[in-house]
Structures are given as structure tokens and as C-alpha cells.
N, C-alpha and C. Protein backbone atom coordinates (compact mmCIF):
# COMPACT_ATOMS: atom_id res chain seq x y z
N UNK A 1 0.59 -1.30 -0.13
CA UNK A 1 -0.20 0.03 -0.28
C UNK A 1 0.77 1.60 0.40
N UNK A 2 1.95 1.13 0.73
CA UNK A 2 2.99 2.36 0.34
C UNK A 2 3.46 2.83 -0.72
N UNK A 3 4.03 1.24 -1.18
CA UNK A 3 4.26 1.90 -2.68
C UNK A 3 3.50 2.32 -3.42
N UNK A 4 1.99 2.23 -3.63
CA UNK A 4 1.01 2.30 -4.20
C UNK A 4 1.11 4.36 -3.90
N UNK A 5 0.94 4.84 -2.68
CA UNK A 5 1.06 6.11 -2.36
C UNK A 5 2.11 7.01 -2.61
N UNK A 6 3.44 6.46 -2.69
CA UNK A 6 4.69 7.17 -3.65
C UNK A 6 4.55 7.14 -4.63
N UNK A 7 3.67 6.00 -5.11
CA UNK A 7 3.51 5.92 -7.11
C UNK A 7 2.53 7.23 -7.16
N UNK A 8 1.58 7.75 -6.44
CA UNK A 8 0.50 8.74 -6.86
C UNK A 8 1.20 10.24 -6.82
N UNK A 9 2.48 10.28 -5.39
CA UNK A 9 3.15 11.57 -5.74
C UNK A 9 4.13 11.69 -6.38
N UNK A 10 4.61 10.77 -6.83
CA UNK A 10 5.59 10.78 -8.19
C UNK A 10 4.78 11.93 -9.76
N UNK A 11 5.66 13.13 -9.60
CA UNK A 11 5.72 13.69 -11.26
C UNK A 11 5.53 12.78 -12.50
N UNK A 12 4.40 13.49 -13.11
CA UNK A 12 4.22 12.67 -14.32
C UNK A 12 5.60 13.00 -15.36
N UNK A 13 6.54 13.79 -14.90
CA UNK A 13 7.91 13.76 -15.94
C UNK A 13 8.93 12.88 -15.26
N UNK A 14 8.59 12.84 -14.12
CA UNK A 14 9.64 11.82 -13.42
C UNK A 14 9.91 9.99 -14.54
N UNK A 15 10.87 9.80 -15.39
CA UNK A 15 11.13 8.98 -15.97
C UNK A 15 12.48 8.00 -15.30
N UNK A 16 12.45 8.18 -14.18
CA UNK A 16 14.03 7.58 -13.65
C UNK A 16 13.58 6.09 -12.92
N UNK A 17 12.89 5.54 -13.41
CA UNK A 17 12.18 4.23 -12.93
C UNK A 17 13.43 3.50 -13.34
N UNK A 18 13.91 2.33 -12.62
CA UNK A 18 15.29 1.68 -12.88
C UNK A 18 14.87 0.97 -13.33
N UNK A 19 13.67 0.05 -13.38
CA UNK A 19 13.74 -1.25 -14.37
C UNK A 19 12.90 -0.72 -15.96
N UNK A 20 13.08 -1.70 -16.64
CA UNK A 20 12.35 -1.13 -17.82
C UNK A 20 10.66 -1.50 -17.68
N UNK A 21 10.25 -2.54 -17.17
CA UNK A 21 9.12 -2.59 -16.60
C UNK A 21 8.37 -1.20 -16.13
N UNK A 22 9.02 -0.76 -15.20
CA UNK A 22 8.34 -0.04 -14.27
C UNK A 22 8.46 1.37 -15.28
N UNK A 23 9.11 1.24 -15.79
CA UNK A 23 9.40 2.45 -17.17
C UNK A 23 7.84 2.61 -18.05
N UNK A 24 7.38 1.45 -19.01
CA UNK A 24 6.62 1.05 -19.65
C UNK A 24 5.40 1.34 -18.73
N UNK A 25 5.56 1.00 -17.63
CA UNK A 25 4.16 0.82 -16.62
C UNK A 25 4.02 2.57 -16.57
N UNK A 26 4.59 3.52 -16.22
CA UNK A 26 4.12 4.37 -16.11
C UNK A 26 4.37 5.19 -17.24
N UNK A 27 4.68 5.03 -18.28
CA UNK A 27 3.99 5.43 -19.82
C UNK A 27 2.98 5.28 -19.87
N UNK A 28 2.20 4.09 -19.41
CA UNK A 28 0.91 3.61 -20.09
C UNK A 28 -0.08 4.36 -18.99
N UNK A 29 0.57 4.79 -17.41
CA UNK A 29 -0.39 5.11 -17.05
C UNK A 29 -0.67 6.66 -17.12
N UNK A 30 0.61 7.04 -17.55
CA UNK A 30 0.65 8.75 -18.11
C UNK A 30 -0.62 8.95 -19.39
N UNK A 31 -0.41 7.72 -20.50
CA UNK A 31 -1.10 7.63 -21.53
C UNK A 31 -2.41 7.78 -21.22
N UNK A 32 -3.02 6.86 -20.24
CA UNK A 32 -4.54 6.59 -19.74
C UNK A 32 -4.83 7.99 -19.07
N UNK A 33 -3.95 8.10 -18.43
CA UNK A 33 -4.54 10.03 -17.62
C UNK A 33 -4.57 10.87 -18.88
N UNK A 34 -3.35 10.95 -19.84
CA UNK A 34 -3.80 11.66 -21.33
C UNK A 34 -5.20 11.46 -21.47
N UNK A 35 -5.79 10.15 -21.76
CA UNK A 35 -7.03 9.69 -22.29
C UNK A 35 -7.82 9.88 -21.41
N UNK A 36 -8.14 10.01 -20.35
CA UNK A 36 -9.24 10.06 -19.33
C UNK A 36 -9.12 11.51 -19.31
N UNK A 37 -8.61 12.74 -19.52
CA UNK A 37 -8.49 14.05 -19.50
C UNK A 37 -9.22 14.66 -20.60
N UNK A 38 -8.76 13.95 -21.81
CA UNK A 38 -9.48 14.61 -23.43
C UNK A 38 -10.74 14.13 -23.17
N UNK A 39 -11.20 12.51 -22.79
CA UNK A 39 -12.77 12.10 -22.59
C UNK A 39 -13.43 13.10 -21.74
N UNK A 40 -12.44 13.65 -20.54
CA UNK A 40 -13.89 14.71 -19.56
C UNK A 40 -13.50 15.58 -20.36
N UNK A 41 -12.89 16.16 -21.53
CA UNK A 41 -12.94 17.85 -21.97
C UNK A 41 -13.62 17.79 -23.10
N UNK A 42 -13.82 16.46 -24.07
CA UNK A 42 -15.11 16.14 -24.85
C UNK A 42 -16.57 16.20 -24.40
N UNK A 43 -16.83 15.39 -22.88
CA UNK A 43 -17.66 15.81 -21.95
C UNK A 43 -18.53 16.90 -22.21
N UNK A 44 -16.97 17.95 -21.43
CA UNK A 44 -17.64 19.21 -20.93
C UNK A 44 -17.82 20.05 -22.27
N UNK A 45 -17.05 19.63 -23.69
CA UNK A 45 -17.57 20.40 -25.13
C UNK A 45 -18.94 19.97 -25.35
N UNK A 46 -19.63 18.50 -25.06
CA UNK A 46 -20.89 18.11 -25.34
C UNK A 46 -21.91 19.18 -24.86
N UNK A 47 -21.36 18.95 -23.56
CA UNK A 47 -22.43 19.63 -22.55
C UNK A 47 -22.34 21.31 -22.83
N UNK A 48 -21.05 21.92 -23.25
CA UNK A 48 -21.05 23.30 -23.78
C UNK A 48 -22.33 23.24 -25.01
N UNK A 49 -22.15 22.37 -25.70
CA UNK A 49 -22.92 22.69 -26.79
C UNK A 49 -24.56 22.31 -26.53
N UNK A 50 -24.38 21.53 -25.83
CA UNK A 50 -26.18 21.32 -25.74
C UNK A 50 -26.72 21.94 -24.65
N UNK A 51 -26.03 23.22 -24.24
CA UNK A 51 -26.53 24.34 -23.34
C UNK A 51 -26.48 25.57 -24.41
N UNK A 52 -25.90 25.36 -25.82
CA UNK A 52 -25.92 26.01 -26.60
C UNK A 52 -25.10 27.51 -26.58
N UNK A 53 -23.64 27.00 -26.29
CA UNK A 53 -22.40 27.71 -25.59
C UNK A 53 -22.08 27.54 -26.95
N UNK A 54 -21.79 28.82 -28.13
CA UNK A 54 -21.25 28.94 -29.16
C UNK A 54 -19.59 29.17 -29.03
N UNK A 55 -19.14 29.20 -28.21
CA UNK A 55 -17.60 29.50 -28.57
C UNK A 55 -16.79 30.86 -28.89
N UNK A 56 -15.59 30.96 -28.44
CA UNK A 56 -15.03 32.53 -28.98
C UNK A 56 -14.86 33.11 -29.71
N UNK A 57 -15.87 33.92 -29.53
CA UNK A 57 -15.81 34.86 -31.36
C UNK A 57 -14.13 34.87 -31.99
N UNK A 58 -13.14 35.50 -31.05
CA UNK A 58 -12.16 35.18 -32.06
C UNK A 58 -11.30 34.52 -31.86
N UNK A 59 -11.63 32.95 -32.32
CA UNK A 59 -11.37 31.75 -32.54
C UNK A 59 -12.07 31.91 -34.28
N UNK A 60 -12.94 31.98 -34.06
CA UNK A 60 -13.80 31.86 -35.26
C UNK A 60 -13.61 33.05 -36.78
N UNK A 61 -13.19 34.81 -35.67
CA UNK A 61 -12.84 35.56 -36.56
C UNK A 61 -10.85 35.03 -37.39
N UNK A 62 -10.35 34.78 -36.54
CA UNK A 62 -8.69 34.11 -36.88
C UNK A 62 -9.19 33.09 -37.61
N UNK A 63 -9.70 32.18 -37.70
CA UNK A 63 -10.08 30.67 -39.02
C UNK A 63 -10.79 31.61 -40.16
N UNK A 64 -11.15 32.72 -40.44
CA UNK A 64 -12.31 33.34 -41.01
C UNK A 64 -11.11 34.24 -42.00
N UNK A 65 -9.95 35.10 -40.98
CA UNK A 65 -9.45 36.08 -41.44
C UNK A 65 -8.02 34.67 -42.12
N UNK A 66 -8.08 33.84 -41.54
CA UNK A 66 -6.42 32.88 -41.89
C UNK A 66 -7.20 32.49 -43.76
N UNK A 67 -8.08 32.17 -43.49
CA UNK A 67 -8.99 31.43 -44.75
C UNK A 67 -8.63 32.42 -46.03
N UNK A 68 -9.52 33.59 -45.49
CA UNK A 68 -9.35 34.58 -46.38
C UNK A 68 -8.18 34.82 -47.26
N UNK A 69 -7.24 35.01 -46.12
CA UNK A 69 -5.88 34.89 -46.71
C UNK A 69 -5.03 34.30 -47.65
N UNK A 70 -5.51 32.83 -47.58
CA UNK A 70 -4.96 31.72 -47.98
C UNK A 70 -5.69 32.28 -49.10
N UNK A 71 -6.93 32.08 -49.57
CA UNK A 71 -7.38 32.24 -50.96
C UNK A 71 -7.04 33.37 -51.71
N UNK A 72 -6.93 34.72 -50.84
CA UNK A 72 -6.34 35.62 -51.84
C UNK A 72 -4.30 34.74 -52.48
N UNK A 73 -3.84 34.47 -51.54
CA UNK A 73 -2.54 33.89 -51.63
C UNK A 73 -2.74 32.89 -53.17
N UNK A 74 -3.51 32.01 -52.67
CA UNK A 74 -3.86 31.68 -54.05
C UNK A 74 -4.17 32.00 -55.54
N UNK A 75 -5.16 33.11 -55.30
CA UNK A 75 -5.94 33.66 -56.24
C UNK A 75 -4.69 34.54 -57.17
N UNK A 76 -4.09 34.78 -55.94
CA UNK A 76 -2.30 35.71 -56.66
C UNK A 76 -1.63 34.65 -57.20
N UNK A 77 -1.62 33.33 -56.97
CA UNK A 77 -0.45 32.63 -57.60
C UNK A 77 -1.07 32.04 -58.80
N UNK A 78 -2.50 31.67 -58.87
CA UNK A 78 -2.79 31.77 -60.07
C UNK A 78 -3.22 32.57 -61.41
N UNK A 79 -3.18 33.73 -60.78
CA UNK A 79 -2.60 34.70 -61.75
C UNK A 79 -1.83 35.35 -61.80
N UNK A 80 -0.93 35.33 -61.52
CA UNK A 80 0.85 35.56 -61.58
C UNK A 80 1.90 34.54 -62.20
N UNK A 81 1.19 33.28 -61.32
CA UNK A 81 2.22 32.35 -61.78
C UNK A 81 2.62 32.70 -63.12
N UNK A 82 2.03 31.94 -64.11
CA UNK A 82 2.27 31.68 -65.54
C UNK A 82 3.17 32.98 -65.86
N UNK A 83 3.18 33.79 -65.32
CA UNK A 83 3.82 35.56 -65.85
C UNK A 83 5.33 34.89 -65.04
N UNK A 84 5.21 34.44 -63.92
CA UNK A 84 6.44 34.47 -63.43
C UNK A 84 7.07 33.50 -63.84
N UNK A 85 6.34 32.07 -64.30
CA UNK A 85 7.59 31.18 -64.87
C UNK A 85 7.85 31.69 -66.25
N UNK A 86 7.30 32.50 -66.78
CA UNK A 86 7.52 33.10 -68.32
C UNK A 86 8.79 34.19 -68.18
N UNK A 87 8.62 34.63 -67.08
CA UNK A 87 9.56 35.64 -66.56
C UNK A 87 11.05 34.75 -66.59
N UNK A 88 11.01 33.89 -66.00
CA UNK A 88 11.56 32.97 -65.21
C UNK A 88 12.41 32.31 -66.66
N UNK A 89 11.77 31.89 -67.29
CA UNK A 89 12.69 31.26 -68.46
C UNK A 89 13.28 32.53 -69.49
N UNK A 90 12.67 33.70 -69.76
CA UNK A 90 13.62 34.65 -70.39
C UNK A 90 14.23 34.75 -69.54
N UNK A 91 14.77 34.90 -68.15
CA UNK A 91 15.78 35.00 -67.77
C UNK A 91 17.10 34.06 -67.94
N UNK A 92 16.51 32.62 -67.94
CA UNK A 92 17.32 31.59 -68.21
C UNK A 92 18.01 31.92 -69.39
N UNK A 93 16.89 32.09 -70.51
CA UNK A 93 17.00 32.47 -72.43
C UNK A 93 18.17 33.17 -72.08
N UNK A 94 18.10 34.21 -71.51
CA UNK A 94 18.85 35.56 -71.33
C UNK A 94 20.38 34.96 -71.04
N UNK A 95 20.62 34.57 -69.81
CA UNK A 95 21.83 34.22 -68.99
C UNK A 95 22.30 33.12 -70.44
N UNK A 96 21.62 32.43 -70.96
CA UNK A 96 22.35 31.07 -71.68
C UNK A 96 22.98 32.26 -72.82
N UNK A 97 22.24 33.20 -73.47
CA UNK A 97 22.56 33.85 -74.10
C UNK A 97 23.84 34.75 -74.30
N UNK A 98 24.01 34.88 -73.19
CA UNK A 98 25.14 35.84 -72.23
C UNK A 98 26.69 35.23 -72.49
N UNK A 99 25.90 33.55 -72.00
CA UNK A 99 27.28 32.97 -71.79
C UNK A 99 27.95 32.25 -72.87
N UNK A 100 27.23 32.21 -74.06
CA UNK A 100 27.29 31.66 -75.03
C UNK A 100 28.10 32.99 -76.26
N UNK A 101 27.63 33.95 -75.81
CA UNK A 101 28.49 35.38 -76.59
C UNK A 101 30.03 35.31 -75.88
N UNK A 102 29.82 35.05 -74.30
CA UNK A 102 31.38 35.11 -73.47
C UNK A 102 31.93 34.06 -74.30
N UNK A 103 31.70 33.12 -74.20
CA UNK A 103 32.51 31.92 -75.24
C UNK A 103 33.11 32.14 -76.49
N UNK A 104 32.05 32.63 -77.15
CA UNK A 104 32.29 32.86 -78.15
C UNK A 104 34.02 34.15 -78.50
N UNK A 105 33.52 34.65 -78.24
CA UNK A 105 34.69 35.74 -77.73
C UNK A 105 35.51 35.54 -77.10
N UNK A 106 35.85 34.40 -76.06
CA UNK A 106 36.92 33.81 -75.53
C UNK A 106 37.63 32.80 -76.95
N UNK A 107 36.77 32.29 -78.04
CA UNK A 107 37.44 31.60 -79.02
C UNK A 107 38.17 32.22 -79.89
N UNK A 108 37.37 33.66 -80.10
CA UNK A 108 38.15 34.29 -81.18
C UNK A 108 39.33 35.07 -80.79
N UNK A 109 39.75 35.22 -79.50
CA UNK A 109 40.53 35.91 -79.06
C UNK A 109 42.04 34.90 -79.24
């Protein structure tokens, strides 16, 4: 019984158990506690929804703003993407021509 009381007083971050079986059991306990906490939180959220709680408006505003910004970025890429690709091709061809001219000049000398 004394070992049980000591086990309850241990920190969840204490991983210095001496045997591998103790570490595995401690990890299983931590996982079980996280699952229980998540289940309790899900129950609270479900009760809040039943009672008509809508949530925080700032969360919804953030999501709407982030979605709008992402849509603008996608639109800009779709609009300007072909132009950017064309500019890159032109720059590549220009550099290739300059290099060819430089090599021809060296060969003439």
C-alpha cells in the first residue's frame, strides 16, 4: 500500500524508474491519464454545445481571416504564376545567350 501512495505522489515527468517494466508501466499510466483528460474535455464540450455555448468569437474570426488570406494567396499565385514562369524562362534564356557570347568571344581571341 505504501508503494501505491508513493506512486501517486510521483511527478508525471519522472522517468527515472530503475527497470524497464516500471518505465513502461509509468508510460502507460501517463497515456491513460491523457486519454481520461481528453474524454472529460470532450464531455465538457458536448455539454457546452447542448447548453447553447457558441465558443469564442476571436477563434472564429481568426479562422475566417486566415482562410481569406489563404484564398487571396492562391488567387495571386493562379493569376501571376504563368507570368512568373515566363519571366524565369526569359531570364534563363538571356543568361544562356550571354554565356554563349562570352565563350564565342574567348574563342575568337
